[in-house]
Amino acid sequence: MSEEAANVVAIAPGDPLPPWCAGQWNLLSARALQGTLPHALLLCGPTGLGKRALSEAFVRARLCETPRDGHACGNCRACKLLAAGTHPDRMRVTLEPNPKTGVMRREIVIDQIRALSARLAMASQLDGWQVAVIDPAEAMNAAAQNALLKTLEEPTDASLIVLVADQPWRLSATIRSRCQRLDFAVPARADALEWLRARGVEAPESVLAAAGGNPGQAWLLAEQGGMQRRQEVARDLLALAAGRGDARAIGKAWADDEPLQRLEHAARLLEGALRARSEERHARFDPGWDEAVLAARFSEANRLRVLLNGPLRADLVLFEWLDGMAQKRTPA
């Protein structure tokens, strides 16, 4: 994802929480009211479902001096500090530039977690909660995860660590076991369509289908030209299947323009073709491969989406996959 696109989120902090987040919000609010909050939360699920907006709203409610109906008042000293980004008891750990090179890191490193642990070991500066958010939590490397374990095992009073993860399986089982987990799932289709229509999305049915039922991802597709990219991906894959595509040129074009989004489109298209083949029905996208090849290409697309989060060159990774795809045509 480009830097510009990465700064755009479907449900931003401060936006009204979507209706499908009500269950998670009510659960956390009830535990806060009862004084039974855990010291660590793990909010997980596909990106685009509001877990970051909910995390921000919940953090602000915990630090607010005069919350109203479980929500931050927005007017007290703490809320003003939060709005200015200067609240001393609110901490955030995320991807940062390497101080030696200035290049953005692709992982959260042990020094960041050690600094967080040192902060949490101190007393609250405003005599209230200390709240830390680690996002994306799955970006912590092995050393950082190991460093976090001690803090999770020996929490300080009135402290809360919120881990936000799109891919929670990349966290160690021990980390996951130390947190109360809240999952965010794709909502009912009617709720998703109502939310998209309220945001002015045209043809929400087709956009939602392209996003696999995820309303946040559907909104981003509509806003960022994602549907055009989906059409381009389908065209490129069909060209490869017909023996007409240039895998190197296609890989370069994908790498230069939202490679992760294009791979996600490819995975969804292949999944749809595979499902149609197994159900013996016609699919609009059908490259002509048999079920075994479709299943292998789908699995590899999902694997590459993980690999592209690392240091590998996107054009080379994509070329190898696309070139292999071009060589796996079903004989006439």
C-alpha atoms as a PDB file:
ATOM      1  CA  MET A   1       0.000   0.000   0.000  1.00  0.00           C
ATOM      2  CA  SER A   2       1.302   3.457  -0.843  1.00  0.00           C
ATOM      3  CA  GLU A   3       2.140   5.915   1.934  1.00  0.00           C
ATOM      4  CA  GLU A   4      -0.750   8.119   0.865  1.00  0.00           C
ATOM      5  CA  ALA A   5      -3.240   5.259   0.884  1.00  0.00           C
ATOM      6  CA  ALA A   6      -1.924   3.980   4.195  1.00  0.00           C
ATOM      7  CA  ASN A   7      -2.984   7.251   5.808  1.00  0.00           C
ATOM      8  CA  VAL A   8      -6.599   6.750   4.725  1.00  0.00           C
ATOM      9  CA  VAL A   9      -8.746   4.493   6.865  1.00  0.00           C
ATOM     10  CA  ALA A  10     -12.343   3.472   6.377  1.00  0.00           C
ATOM     11  CA  ILE A  11     -13.382   4.159   9.975  1.00  0.00           C
ATOM     12  CA  ALA A  12     -11.150   6.808  11.495  1.00  0.00           C
ATOM     13  CA  PRO A  13     -10.738   7.561  15.199  1.00  0.00           C
ATOM     14  CA  GLY A  14     -13.460  10.042  16.080  1.00  0.00           C
ATOM     15  CA  ASP A  15     -15.914   8.609  13.540  1.00  0.00           C
ATOM     16  CA  PRO A  16     -19.152   7.197  14.977  1.00  0.00           C
ATOM     17  CA  LEU A  17     -18.641   3.528  15.705  1.00  0.00           C
ATOM     18  CA  PRO A  18     -20.469   1.309  13.196  1.00  0.00           C
ATOM     19  CA  PRO A  19     -23.389  -0.711  14.533  1.00  0.00           C
ATOM     20  CA  TRP A  20     -21.540  -4.026  14.282  1.00  0.00           C
ATOM     21  CA  CYS A  21     -19.062  -2.807  16.960  1.00  0.00           C
ATOM     22  CA  ALA A  22     -21.798  -2.421  19.590  1.00  0.00           C
ATOM     23  CA  GLY A  23     -21.193  -5.818  21.150  1.00  0.00           C
ATOM     24  CA  GLN A  24     -17.481  -5.232  21.710  1.00  0.00           C
ATOM     25  CA  TRP A  25     -18.068  -1.712  23.012  1.00  0.00           C
ATOM     26  CA  ASN A  26     -20.792  -2.786  25.427  1.00  0.00           C
ATOM     27  CA  LEU A  27     -18.656  -5.605  26.787  1.00  0.00           C
ATOM     28  CA  LEU A  28     -15.673  -3.349  27.457  1.00  0.00           C
ATOM     29  CA  SER A  29     -17.827  -0.582  28.909  1.00  0.00           C
ATOM     30  CA  ALA A  30     -19.535  -3.005  31.279  1.00  0.00           C
ATOM     31  CA  ARG A  31     -16.227  -4.392  32.497  1.00  0.00           C
ATOM     32  CA  ALA A  32     -14.871  -0.870  32.991  1.00  0.00           C
ATOM     33  CA  LEU A  33     -17.956   0.067  35.034  1.00  0.00           C
ATOM     34  CA  GLN A  34     -17.594  -3.082  37.151  1.00  0.00           C
ATOM     35  CA  GLY A  35     -13.870  -2.525  37.641  1.00  0.00           C
ATOM     36  CA  THR A  36     -13.022  -5.887  36.055  1.00  0.00           C
ATOM     37  CA  LEU A  37     -11.020  -4.782  33.039  1.00  0.00           C
ATOM     38  CA  PRO A  38      -8.034  -6.993  32.232  1.00  0.00           C
ATOM     39  CA  HIS A  39      -4.580  -5.474  31.979  1.00  0.00           C
ATOM     40  CA  ALA A  40      -4.270  -6.434  28.312  1.00  0.00           C
ATOM     41  CA  LEU A  41      -6.730  -6.519  25.414  1.00  0.00           C
ATOM     42  CA  LEU A  42      -6.248  -8.014  21.961  1.00  0.00           C
ATOM     43  CA  LEU A  43      -8.525  -6.479  19.320  1.00  0.00           C
ATOM     44  CA  CYS A  44      -8.275  -8.519  16.168  1.00  0.00           C
ATOM     45  CA  GLY A  45      -9.951  -9.106  12.844  1.00  0.00           C
ATOM     46  CA  PRO A  46      -9.686  -7.941   9.233  1.00  0.00           C
ATOM     47  CA  THR A  47      -8.785  -4.324   8.654  1.00  0.00           C
ATOM     48  CA  GLY A  48     -11.743  -2.083   7.862  1.00  0.00           C
ATOM     49  CA  LEU A  49     -14.133  -3.237  10.597  1.00  0.00           C
ATOM     50  CA  GLY A  50     -13.583  -0.434  13.125  1.00  0.00           C
ATOM     51  CA  LYS A  51     -11.312  -1.984  15.736  1.00  0.00           C
ATOM     52  CA  ARG A  52      -8.905   0.973  15.654  1.00  0.00           C
ATOM     53  CA  ALA A  53     -11.720   3.491  16.005  1.00  0.00           C
ATOM     54  CA  LEU A  54     -13.124   1.493  18.912  1.00  0.00           C
ATOM     55  CA  SER A  55      -9.671   1.258  20.500  1.00  0.00           C
ATOM     56  CA  GLU A  56      -9.222   5.026  20.324  1.00  0.00           C
ATOM     57  CA  ALA A  57     -12.694   5.724  21.730  1.00  0.00           C
ATOM     58  CA  PHE A  58     -12.132   3.285  24.578  1.00  0.00           C
ATOM     59  CA  VAL A  59      -8.692   4.681  25.417  1.00  0.00           C
ATOM     60  CA  ARG A  60     -10.107   8.190  25.575  1.00  0.00           C
ATOM     61  CA  ALA A  61     -12.967   7.052  27.807  1.00  0.00           C
ATOM     62  CA  ARG A  62     -10.498   5.450  30.228  1.00  0.00           C
ATOM     63  CA  LEU A  63      -8.379   8.588  30.486  1.00  0.00           C
ATOM     64  CA  CYS A  64     -11.259  11.085  30.574  1.00  0.00           C
ATOM     65  CA  GLU A  65     -11.803  12.760  33.958  1.00  0.00           C
ATOM     66  CA  THR A  66     -15.593  13.072  33.583  1.00  0.00           C
ATOM     67  CA  PRO A  67     -16.856  10.387  31.160  1.00  0.00           C
ATOM     68  CA  ARG A  68     -20.503  10.560  30.095  1.00  0.00           C
ATOM     69  CA  ASP A  69     -22.433   7.339  29.505  1.00  0.00           C
ATOM     70  CA  GLY A  70     -19.161   5.486  29.138  1.00  0.00           C
ATOM     71  CA  HIS A  71     -17.726   7.891  26.554  1.00  0.00           C
ATOM     72  CA  ALA A  72     -15.088  10.615  26.888  1.00  0.00           C
ATOM     73  CA  CYS A  73     -16.594  14.027  27.572  1.00  0.00           C
ATOM     74  CA  GLY A  74     -14.267  15.850  25.174  1.00  0.00           C
ATOM     75  CA  ASN A  75     -14.015  18.912  27.416  1.00  0.00           C
ATOM     76  CA  CYS A  76     -11.949  18.024  30.468  1.00  0.00           C
ATOM     77  CA  ARG A  77      -8.226  18.615  30.799  1.00  0.00           C
ATOM     78  CA  ALA A  78      -7.423  15.000  29.941  1.00  0.00           C
ATOM     79  CA  CYS A  79      -9.569  15.077  26.805  1.00  0.00           C
ATOM     80  CA  LYS A  80      -7.908  18.281  25.626  1.00  0.00           C
ATOM     81  CA  LEU A  81      -4.480  16.727  26.172  1.00  0.00           C
ATOM     82  CA  LEU A  82      -5.589  13.652  24.232  1.00  0.00           C
ATOM     83  CA  ALA A  83      -6.851  15.799  21.365  1.00  0.00           C
ATOM     84  CA  ALA A  84      -3.507  17.603  21.268  1.00  0.00           C
ATOM     85  CA  GLY A  85      -1.584  14.315  21.416  1.00  0.00           C
ATOM     86  CA  THR A  86       0.209  15.345  24.614  1.00  0.00           C
ATOM     87  CA  HIS A  87      -1.464  13.257  27.317  1.00  0.00           C
ATOM     88  CA  PRO A  88       1.451  11.922  29.422  1.00  0.00           C
ATOM     89  CA  ASP A  89      -0.314   8.663  30.352  1.00  0.00           C
ATOM     90  CA  ARG A  90      -1.308   7.694  26.841  1.00  0.00           C
ATOM     91  CA  MET A  91       1.401   5.739  24.966  1.00  0.00           C
ATOM     92  CA  ARG A  92       1.495   4.427  21.422  1.00  0.00           C
ATOM     93  CA  VAL A  93       3.882   1.910  19.899  1.00  0.00           C
ATOM     94  CA  THR A  94       3.819   1.576  16.126  1.00  0.00           C
ATOM     95  CA  LEU A  95       6.112   1.342  13.124  1.00  0.00           C
ATOM     96  CA  GLU A  96       8.775   4.055  13.194  1.00  0.00           C
ATOM     97  CA  PRO A  97      11.691   5.190  11.044  1.00  0.00           C
ATOM     98  CA  ASN A  98      15.054   3.616  11.807  1.00  0.00           C
ATOM     99  CA  PRO A  99      16.964   6.418  13.598  1.00  0.00           C
ATOM    100  CA  LYS A 100      20.182   5.434  11.809  1.00  0.00           C
ATOM    101  CA  THR A 101      18.856   5.384   8.251  1.00  0.00           C
ATOM    102  CA  GLY A 102      15.603   7.334   8.386  1.00  0.00           C
ATOM    103  CA  VAL A 103      13.889   4.483   6.506  1.00  0.00           C
ATOM    104  CA  MET A 104      10.547   3.308   7.887  1.00  0.00           C
ATOM    105  CA  ARG A 105      10.907  -0.003   9.668  1.00  0.00           C
ATOM    106  CA  ARG A 106       8.707  -2.944   8.745  1.00  0.00           C
ATOM    107  CA  GLU A 107       8.674  -4.286  12.306  1.00  0.00           C
ATOM    108  CA  ILE A 108       8.359  -3.102  15.891  1.00  0.00           C
ATOM    109  CA  VAL A 109      11.690  -3.709  17.631  1.00  0.00           C
ATOM    110  CA  ILE A 110      12.732  -4.601  21.158  1.00  0.00           C
ATOM    111  CA  ASP A 111      13.940  -1.090  22.035  1.00  0.00           C
ATOM    112  CA  GLN A 112      10.420   0.257  21.510  1.00  0.00           C
ATOM    113  CA  ILE A 113       8.928  -2.340  23.852  1.00  0.00           C
ATOM    114  CA  ARG A 114      11.627  -1.762  26.475  1.00  0.00           C
ATOM    115  CA  ALA A 115      10.872   1.962  26.384  1.00  0.00           C
ATOM    116  CA  LEU A 116       7.154   1.221  26.799  1.00  0.00           C
ATOM    117  CA  SER A 117       7.802  -1.090  29.755  1.00  0.00           C
ATOM    118  CA  ALA A 118       9.936   1.568  31.420  1.00  0.00           C
ATOM    119  CA  ARG A 119       7.134   4.120  31.025  1.00  0.00           C
ATOM    120  CA  LEU A 120       4.527   1.766  32.434  1.00  0.00           C
ATOM    121  CA  ALA A 121       6.749   1.028  35.436  1.00  0.00           C
ATOM    122  CA  MET A 122       6.486   4.694  36.446  1.00  0.00           C
ATOM    123  CA  ALA A 123       3.548   6.176  38.314  1.00  0.00           C
ATOM    124  CA  SER A 124       0.744   7.798  36.369  1.00  0.00           C
ATOM    125  CA  GLN A 125       1.484  11.492  35.908  1.00  0.00           C
ATOM    126  CA  LEU A 126      -2.185  12.488  36.174  1.00  0.00           C
ATOM    127  CA  ASP A 127      -3.063   9.998  38.938  1.00  0.00           C
ATOM    128  CA  GLY A 128      -5.284   7.918  36.684  1.00  0.00           C
ATOM    129  CA  TRP A 129      -4.959   5.157  34.134  1.00  0.00           C
ATOM    130  CA  GLN A 130      -1.899   4.522  32.023  1.00  0.00           C
ATOM    131  CA  VAL A 131      -2.938   3.222  28.614  1.00  0.00           C
ATOM    132  CA  ALA A 132      -0.685   1.925  25.849  1.00  0.00           C
ATOM    133  CA  VAL A 133      -1.707   0.879  22.337  1.00  0.00           C
ATOM    134  CA  ILE A 134       0.510  -1.379  20.218  1.00  0.00           C
ATOM    135  CA  ASP A 135      -0.591  -1.226  16.582  1.00  0.00           C
ATOM    136  CA  PRO A 136      -0.046  -3.231  14.455  1.00  0.00           C
ATOM    137  CA  ALA A 137       0.791  -5.687  17.217  1.00  0.00           C
ATOM    138  CA  GLU A 138       1.711  -8.455  14.784  1.00  0.00           C
ATOM    139  CA  ALA A 139       4.556  -6.272  13.526  1.00  0.00           C
ATOM    140  CA  MET A 140       6.500  -6.941  16.736  1.00  0.00           C
ATOM    141  CA  ASN A 141       9.486  -9.133  15.959  1.00  0.00           C
ATOM    142  CA  ALA A 142      10.295 -12.157  18.126  1.00  0.00           C
ATOM    143  CA  ALA A 143      12.593 -10.219  20.463  1.00  0.00           C
ATOM    144  CA  ALA A 144       9.990  -7.465  20.948  1.00  0.00           C
ATOM    145  CA  GLN A 145       7.275 -10.030  21.716  1.00  0.00           C
ATOM    146  CA  ASN A 146       9.498 -11.719  24.263  1.00  0.00           C
ATOM    147  CA  ALA A 147      10.214  -8.353  25.898  1.00  0.00           C
ATOM    148  CA  LEU A 148       6.503  -7.594  26.128  1.00  0.00           C
ATOM    149  CA  LEU A 149       5.766 -10.860  27.913  1.00  0.00           C
ATOM    150  CA  LYS A 150       7.327  -9.741  31.199  1.00  0.00           C
ATOM    151  CA  THR A 151       5.171  -6.612  31.266  1.00  0.00           C
ATOM    152  CA  LEU A 152       2.069  -8.654  30.485  1.00  0.00           C
ATOM    153  CA  GLU A 153       2.932 -11.148  33.223  1.00  0.00           C
ATOM    154  CA  GLU A 154       3.677  -8.477  35.843  1.00  0.00           C
ATOM    155  CA  PRO A 155       1.234  -5.630  35.090  1.00  0.00           C
ATOM    156  CA  THR A 156       1.209  -2.450  37.094  1.00  0.00           C
ATOM    157  CA  ASP A 157      -1.949  -1.163  38.777  1.00  0.00           C
ATOM    158  CA  ALA A 158      -4.337   0.943  36.673  1.00  0.00           C
ATOM    159  CA  SER A 159      -2.498   0.124  33.455  1.00  0.00           C
ATOM    160  CA  LEU A 160      -4.018  -1.145  30.237  1.00  0.00           C
ATOM    161  CA  ILE A 161      -2.212  -2.408  27.141  1.00  0.00           C
ATOM    162  CA  VAL A 162      -4.288  -2.658  23.967  1.00  0.00           C
ATOM    163  CA  LEU A 163      -2.894  -4.771  21.132  1.00  0.00           C
ATOM    164  CA  VAL A 164      -4.516  -4.177  17.738  1.00  0.00           C
ATOM    165  CA  ALA A 165      -3.851  -6.875  15.150  1.00  0.00           C
ATOM    166  CA  ASP A 166      -5.086  -7.574  11.638  1.00  0.00           C
ATOM    167  CA  GLN A 167      -3.169 -10.883  11.665  1.00  0.00           C
ATOM    168  CA  PRO A 168      -3.251 -12.134  15.270  1.00  0.00           C
ATOM    169  CA  TRP A 169      -1.833 -15.539  14.296  1.00  0.00           C
ATOM    170  CA  ARG A 170       1.554 -13.823  13.865  1.00  0.00           C
ATOM    171  CA  LEU A 171       1.622 -13.163  17.608  1.00  0.00           C
ATOM    172  CA  SER A 172       3.017 -15.888  19.837  1.00  0.00           C
ATOM    173  CA  ALA A 173       0.532 -18.159  21.573  1.00  0.00           C
ATOM    174  CA  THR A 174       1.885 -16.944  24.914  1.00  0.00           C
ATOM    175  CA  ILE A 175       1.171 -13.302  24.052  1.00  0.00           C
ATOM    176  CA  ARG A 176      -2.345 -14.183  22.954  1.00  0.00           C
ATOM    177  CA  SER A 177      -2.990 -16.156  26.123  1.00  0.00           C
ATOM    178  CA  ARG A 178      -2.118 -13.125  28.288  1.00  0.00           C
ATOM    179  CA  CYS A 179      -4.783 -10.929  26.674  1.00  0.00           C
ATOM    180  CA  GLN A 180      -8.552 -10.817  26.634  1.00  0.00           C
ATOM    181  CA  ARG A 181      -9.376 -11.254  22.977  1.00  0.00           C
ATOM    182  CA  LEU A 182     -12.141  -9.394  21.145  1.00  0.00           C
ATOM    183  CA  ASP A 183     -12.773 -10.458  17.563  1.00  0.00           C
ATOM    184  CA  PHE A 184     -14.237  -8.193  14.890  1.00  0.00           C
ATOM    185  CA  ALA A 185     -16.083 -10.135  12.200  1.00  0.00           C
ATOM    186  CA  VAL A 186     -17.625  -9.162   8.875  1.00  0.00           C
ATOM    187  CA  PRO A 187     -21.147  -7.907   9.687  1.00  0.00           C
ATOM    188  CA  ALA A 188     -24.471  -8.937   8.222  1.00  0.00           C
ATOM    189  CA  ARG A 189     -24.829  -7.897   4.587  1.00  0.00           C
ATOM    190  CA  ALA A 190     -27.826  -5.640   5.302  1.00  0.00           C
ATOM    191  CA  ASP A 191     -25.902  -3.713   7.978  1.00  0.00           C
ATOM    192  CA  ALA A 192     -22.887  -3.352   5.706  1.00  0.00           C
ATOM    193  CA  LEU A 193     -24.982  -2.081   2.788  1.00  0.00           C
ATOM    194  CA  GLU A 194     -26.840   0.417   4.993  1.00  0.00           C
ATOM    195  CA  TRP A 195     -23.505   1.768   6.275  1.00  0.00           C
ATOM    196  CA  LEU A 196     -22.104   2.094   2.739  1.00  0.00           C
ATOM    197  CA  ARG A 197     -25.220   3.848   1.451  1.00  0.00           C
ATOM    198  CA  ALA A 198     -25.033   6.301   4.349  1.00  0.00           C
ATOM    199  CA  ARG A 199     -21.509   7.142   3.161  1.00  0.00           C
ATOM    200  CA  GLY A 200     -22.695   7.780  -0.380  1.00  0.00           C
ATOM    201  CA  VAL A 201     -21.126   4.721  -2.032  1.00  0.00           C
ATOM    202  CA  GLU A 202     -22.598   4.056  -5.466  1.00  0.00           C
ATOM    203  CA  ALA A 203     -23.522   0.488  -6.408  1.00  0.00           C
ATOM    204  CA  PRO A 204     -22.711  -0.734  -2.876  1.00  0.00           C
ATOM    205  CA  GLU A 205     -23.749  -4.312  -3.662  1.00  0.00           C
ATOM    206  CA  SER A 206     -21.003  -4.836  -6.243  1.00  0.00           C
ATOM    207  CA  VAL A 207     -18.366  -3.026  -4.191  1.00  0.00           C
ATOM    208  CA  LEU A 208     -19.244  -5.032  -1.078  1.00  0.00           C
ATOM    209  CA  ALA A 209     -19.039  -8.278  -3.046  1.00  0.00           C
ATOM    210  CA  ALA A 210     -15.607  -7.275  -4.370  1.00  0.00           C
ATOM    211  CA  ALA A 211     -14.455  -6.668  -0.785  1.00  0.00           C
ATOM    212  CA  GLY A 212     -15.624 -10.065   0.415  1.00  0.00           C
ATOM    213  CA  GLY A 213     -18.396  -8.544   2.529  1.00  0.00           C
ATOM    214  CA  ASN A 214     -16.064  -6.235   4.470  1.00  0.00           C
ATOM    215  CA  PRO A 215     -17.756  -2.781   4.488  1.00  0.00           C
ATOM    216  CA  GLY A 216     -14.617  -0.872   5.462  1.00  0.00           C
ATOM    217  CA  GLN A 217     -12.629  -2.413   2.642  1.00  0.00           C
ATOM    218  CA  ALA A 218     -15.553  -1.795   0.286  1.00  0.00           C
ATOM    219  CA  TRP A 219     -15.541   1.898   1.170  1.00  0.00           C
ATOM    220  CA  LEU A 220     -11.807   2.108   0.538  1.00  0.00           C
ATOM    221  CA  LEU A 221     -12.256   0.400  -2.829  1.00  0.00           C
ATOM    222  CA  ALA A 222     -14.861   2.967  -3.789  1.00  0.00           C
ATOM    223  CA  GLU A 223     -12.753   5.900  -2.578  1.00  0.00           C
ATOM    224  CA  GLN A 224      -9.329   4.844  -3.889  1.00  0.00           C
ATOM    225  CA  GLY A 225     -10.040   3.463  -7.332  1.00  0.00           C
ATOM    226  CA  GLY A 226      -9.962  -0.094  -6.094  1.00  0.00           C
ATOM    227  CA  MET A 227     -12.704  -1.311  -8.419  1.00  0.00           C
ATOM    228  CA  GLN A 228     -10.674  -0.188 -11.428  1.00  0.00           C
ATOM    229  CA  ARG A 229      -7.667  -2.087 -10.054  1.00  0.00           C
ATOM    230  CA  ARG A 230      -9.852  -5.171  -9.614  1.00  0.00           C
ATOM    231  CA  GLN A 231     -10.829  -5.001 -13.285  1.00  0.00           C
ATOM    232  CA  GLU A 232      -7.178  -4.591 -14.267  1.00  0.00           C
ATOM    233  CA  VAL A 233      -6.177  -7.597 -12.137  1.00  0.00           C
ATOM    234  CA  ALA A 234      -8.891  -9.731 -13.726  1.00  0.00           C
ATOM    235  CA  ARG A 235      -7.748  -8.648 -17.183  1.00  0.00           C
ATOM    236  CA  ASP A 236      -4.106  -9.437 -16.392  1.00  0.00           C
ATOM    237  CA  LEU A 237      -4.870 -12.876 -14.962  1.00  0.00           C
ATOM    238  CA  LEU A 238      -7.056 -13.785 -17.935  1.00  0.00           C
ATOM    239  CA  ALA A 239      -4.281 -12.661 -20.292  1.00  0.00           C
ATOM    240  CA  LEU A 240      -1.798 -14.919 -18.496  1.00  0.00           C
ATOM    241  CA  ALA A 241      -4.232 -17.819 -18.598  1.00  0.00           C
ATOM    242  CA  ALA A 242      -4.618 -17.338 -22.347  1.00  0.00           C
ATOM    243  CA  GLY A 243      -0.845 -17.216 -22.893  1.00  0.00           C
ATOM    244  CA  ARG A 244      -0.916 -13.563 -23.922  1.00  0.00           C
ATOM    245  CA  GLY A 245       0.339 -11.841 -20.767  1.00  0.00           C
ATOM    246  CA  ASP A 246       3.856 -10.613 -20.000  1.00  0.00           C
ATOM    247  CA  ALA A 247       4.449 -11.691 -16.383  1.00  0.00           C
ATOM    248  CA  ARG A 248       7.400  -9.346 -15.901  1.00  0.00           C
ATOM    249  CA  ALA A 249       5.517  -6.275 -17.159  1.00  0.00           C
ATOM    250  CA  ILE A 250       2.442  -7.166 -15.126  1.00  0.00           C
ATOM    251  CA  GLY A 251       4.541  -7.727 -11.994  1.00  0.00           C
ATOM    252  CA  LYS A 252       6.212  -4.335 -12.432  1.00  0.00           C
ATOM    253  CA  ALA A 253       2.859  -2.584 -12.942  1.00  0.00           C
ATOM    254  CA  TRP A 254       1.364  -4.240  -9.854  1.00  0.00           C
ATOM    255  CA  ALA A 255       4.424  -3.460  -7.729  1.00  0.00           C
ATOM    256  CA  ASP A 256       4.204   0.224  -8.675  1.00  0.00           C
ATOM    257  CA  ASP A 257       0.522   0.642  -7.757  1.00  0.00           C
ATOM    258  CA  GLU A 258      -0.918  -0.926  -4.590  1.00  0.00           C
ATOM    259  CA  PRO A 259       0.634  -4.413  -4.824  1.00  0.00           C
ATOM    260  CA  LEU A 260      -1.074  -5.669  -1.661  1.00  0.00           C
ATOM    261  CA  GLN A 261      -4.480  -4.489  -2.834  1.00  0.00           C
ATOM    262  CA  ARG A 262      -3.918  -6.090  -6.230  1.00  0.00           C
ATOM    263  CA  LEU A 263      -2.916  -9.372  -4.623  1.00  0.00           C
ATOM    264  CA  GLU A 264      -6.042  -9.254  -2.480  1.00  0.00           C
ATOM    265  CA  HIS A 265      -8.131  -8.714  -5.617  1.00  0.00           C
ATOM    266  CA  ALA A 266      -6.368 -11.652  -7.249  1.00  0.00           C
ATOM    267  CA  ALA A 267      -7.047 -13.862  -4.237  1.00  0.00           C
ATOM    268  CA  ARG A 268     -10.732 -12.934  -4.172  1.00  0.00           C
ATOM    269  CA  LEU A 269     -11.112 -13.491  -7.919  1.00  0.00           C
ATOM    270  CA  LEU A 270      -9.441 -16.895  -7.709  1.00  0.00           C
ATOM    271  CA  GLU A 271     -11.512 -17.835  -4.672  1.00  0.00           C
ATOM    272  CA  GLY A 272     -14.707 -16.878  -6.503  1.00  0.00           C
ATOM    273  CA  ALA A 273     -13.722 -18.909  -9.569  1.00  0.00           C
ATOM    274  CA  LEU A 274     -12.836 -21.884  -7.368  1.00  0.00           C
ATOM    275  CA  ARG A 275     -16.164 -21.705  -5.537  1.00  0.00           C
ATOM    276  CA  ALA A 276     -18.081 -21.466  -8.813  1.00  0.00           C
ATOM    277  CA  ARG A 277     -16.179 -24.465 -10.191  1.00  0.00           C
ATOM    278  CA  SER A 278     -16.955 -26.582  -7.114  1.00  0.00           C
ATOM    279  CA  GLU A 279     -20.632 -25.556  -7.276  1.00  0.00           C
ATOM    280  CA  GLU A 280     -20.755 -26.212 -11.036  1.00  0.00           C
ATOM    281  CA  ARG A 281     -22.028 -22.761 -11.884  1.00  0.00           C
ATOM    282  CA  HIS A 282     -20.856 -20.033 -14.239  1.00  0.00           C
ATOM    283  CA  ALA A 283     -18.489 -17.341 -12.928  1.00  0.00           C
ATOM    284  CA  ARG A 284     -17.857 -13.976 -14.553  1.00  0.00           C
ATOM    285  CA  PHE A 285     -14.138 -14.446 -13.902  1.00  0.00           C
ATOM    286  CA  ASP A 286     -12.967 -17.863 -15.132  1.00  0.00           C
ATOM    287  CA  PRO A 287      -9.333 -18.306 -16.240  1.00  0.00           C
ATOM    288  CA  GLY A 288     -10.029 -21.891 -17.321  1.00  0.00           C
ATOM    289  CA  TRP A 289      -7.761 -23.618 -14.807  1.00  0.00           C
ATOM    290  CA  ASP A 290      -8.895 -26.766 -13.025  1.00  0.00           C
ATOM    291  CA  GLU A 291      -9.763 -26.777  -9.321  1.00  0.00           C
ATOM    292  CA  ALA A 292      -6.305 -27.908  -8.200  1.00  0.00           C
ATOM    293  CA  VAL A 293      -4.573 -25.041 -10.007  1.00  0.00           C
ATOM    294  CA  LEU A 294      -7.132 -22.494  -8.805  1.00  0.00           C
ATOM    295  CA  ALA A 295      -6.694 -23.673  -5.215  1.00  0.00           C
ATOM    296  CA  ALA A 296      -2.889 -23.509  -5.479  1.00  0.00           C
ATOM    297  CA  ARG A 297      -2.926 -20.013  -6.998  1.00  0.00           C
ATOM    298  CA  PHE A 298      -5.348 -18.809  -4.306  1.00  0.00           C
ATOM    299  CA  SER A 299      -3.171 -20.204  -1.520  1.00  0.00           C
ATOM    300  CA  GLU A 300      -0.018 -18.681  -3.015  1.00  0.00           C
ATOM    301  CA  ALA A 301      -1.675 -15.260  -3.376  1.00  0.00           C
ATOM    302  CA  ASN A 302      -2.482 -15.239   0.329  1.00  0.00           C
ATOM    303  CA  ARG A 303       1.056 -16.348   1.186  1.00  0.00           C
ATOM    304  CA  LEU A 304       2.532 -13.544  -0.921  1.00  0.00           C
ATOM    305  CA  ARG A 305       0.370 -10.966   0.869  1.00  0.00           C
ATOM    306  CA  VAL A 306       2.238 -11.869   4.058  1.00  0.00           C
ATOM    307  CA  LEU A 307       5.649 -11.910   2.339  1.00  0.00           C
ATOM    308  CA  LEU A 308       5.152  -8.425   0.901  1.00  0.00           C
ATOM    309  CA  ASN A 309       5.002  -7.054   4.450  1.00  0.00           C
ATOM    310  CA  GLY A 310       8.677  -7.990   4.718  1.00  0.00           C
ATOM    311  CA  PRO A 311      11.824  -6.676   3.016  1.00  0.00           C
ATOM    312  CA  LEU A 312      11.381  -8.545  -0.291  1.00  0.00           C
ATOM    313  CA  ARG A 313      11.179  -6.654  -3.592  1.00  0.00           C
ATOM    314  CA  ALA A 314       7.548  -6.625  -4.641  1.00  0.00           C
ATOM    315  CA  ASP A 315       8.251  -6.745  -8.385  1.00  0.00           C
ATOM    316  CA  LEU A 316      10.418  -9.877  -8.101  1.00  0.00           C
ATOM    317  CA  VAL A 317       7.985 -11.667  -5.795  1.00  0.00           C
ATOM    318  CA  LEU A 318       5.063 -10.847  -8.057  1.00  0.00           C
ATOM    319  CA  PHE A 319       6.940 -11.788 -11.225  1.00  0.00           C
ATOM    320  CA  GLU A 320       7.794 -15.243  -9.876  1.00  0.00           C
ATOM    321  CA  TRP A 321       4.161 -15.883  -8.950  1.00  0.00           C
ATOM    322  CA  LEU A 322       2.725 -14.495 -12.167  1.00  0.00           C
ATOM    323  CA  ASP A 323       5.281 -16.309 -14.308  1.00  0.00           C
ATOM    324  CA  GLY A 324       4.449 -19.590 -12.603  1.00  0.00           C
ATOM    325  CA  MET A 325       0.786 -18.888 -13.183  1.00  0.00           C
ATOM    326  CA  ALA A 326       1.364 -18.366 -16.887  1.00  0.00           C
ATOM    327  CA  GLN A 327       3.019 -21.776 -17.078  1.00  0.00           C
ATOM    328  CA  LYS A 328       0.119 -23.615 -15.465  1.00  0.00           C
ATOM    329  CA  ARG A 329      -2.462 -23.379 -18.206  1.00  0.00           C
ATOM    330  CA  THR A 330      -4.911 -26.204 -18.645  1.00  0.00           C
ATOM    331  CA  PRO A 331      -4.233 -27.866 -22.049  1.00  0.00           C
ATOM    332  CA  ALA A 332      -6.957 -27.464 -24.631  1.00  0.00           C
END
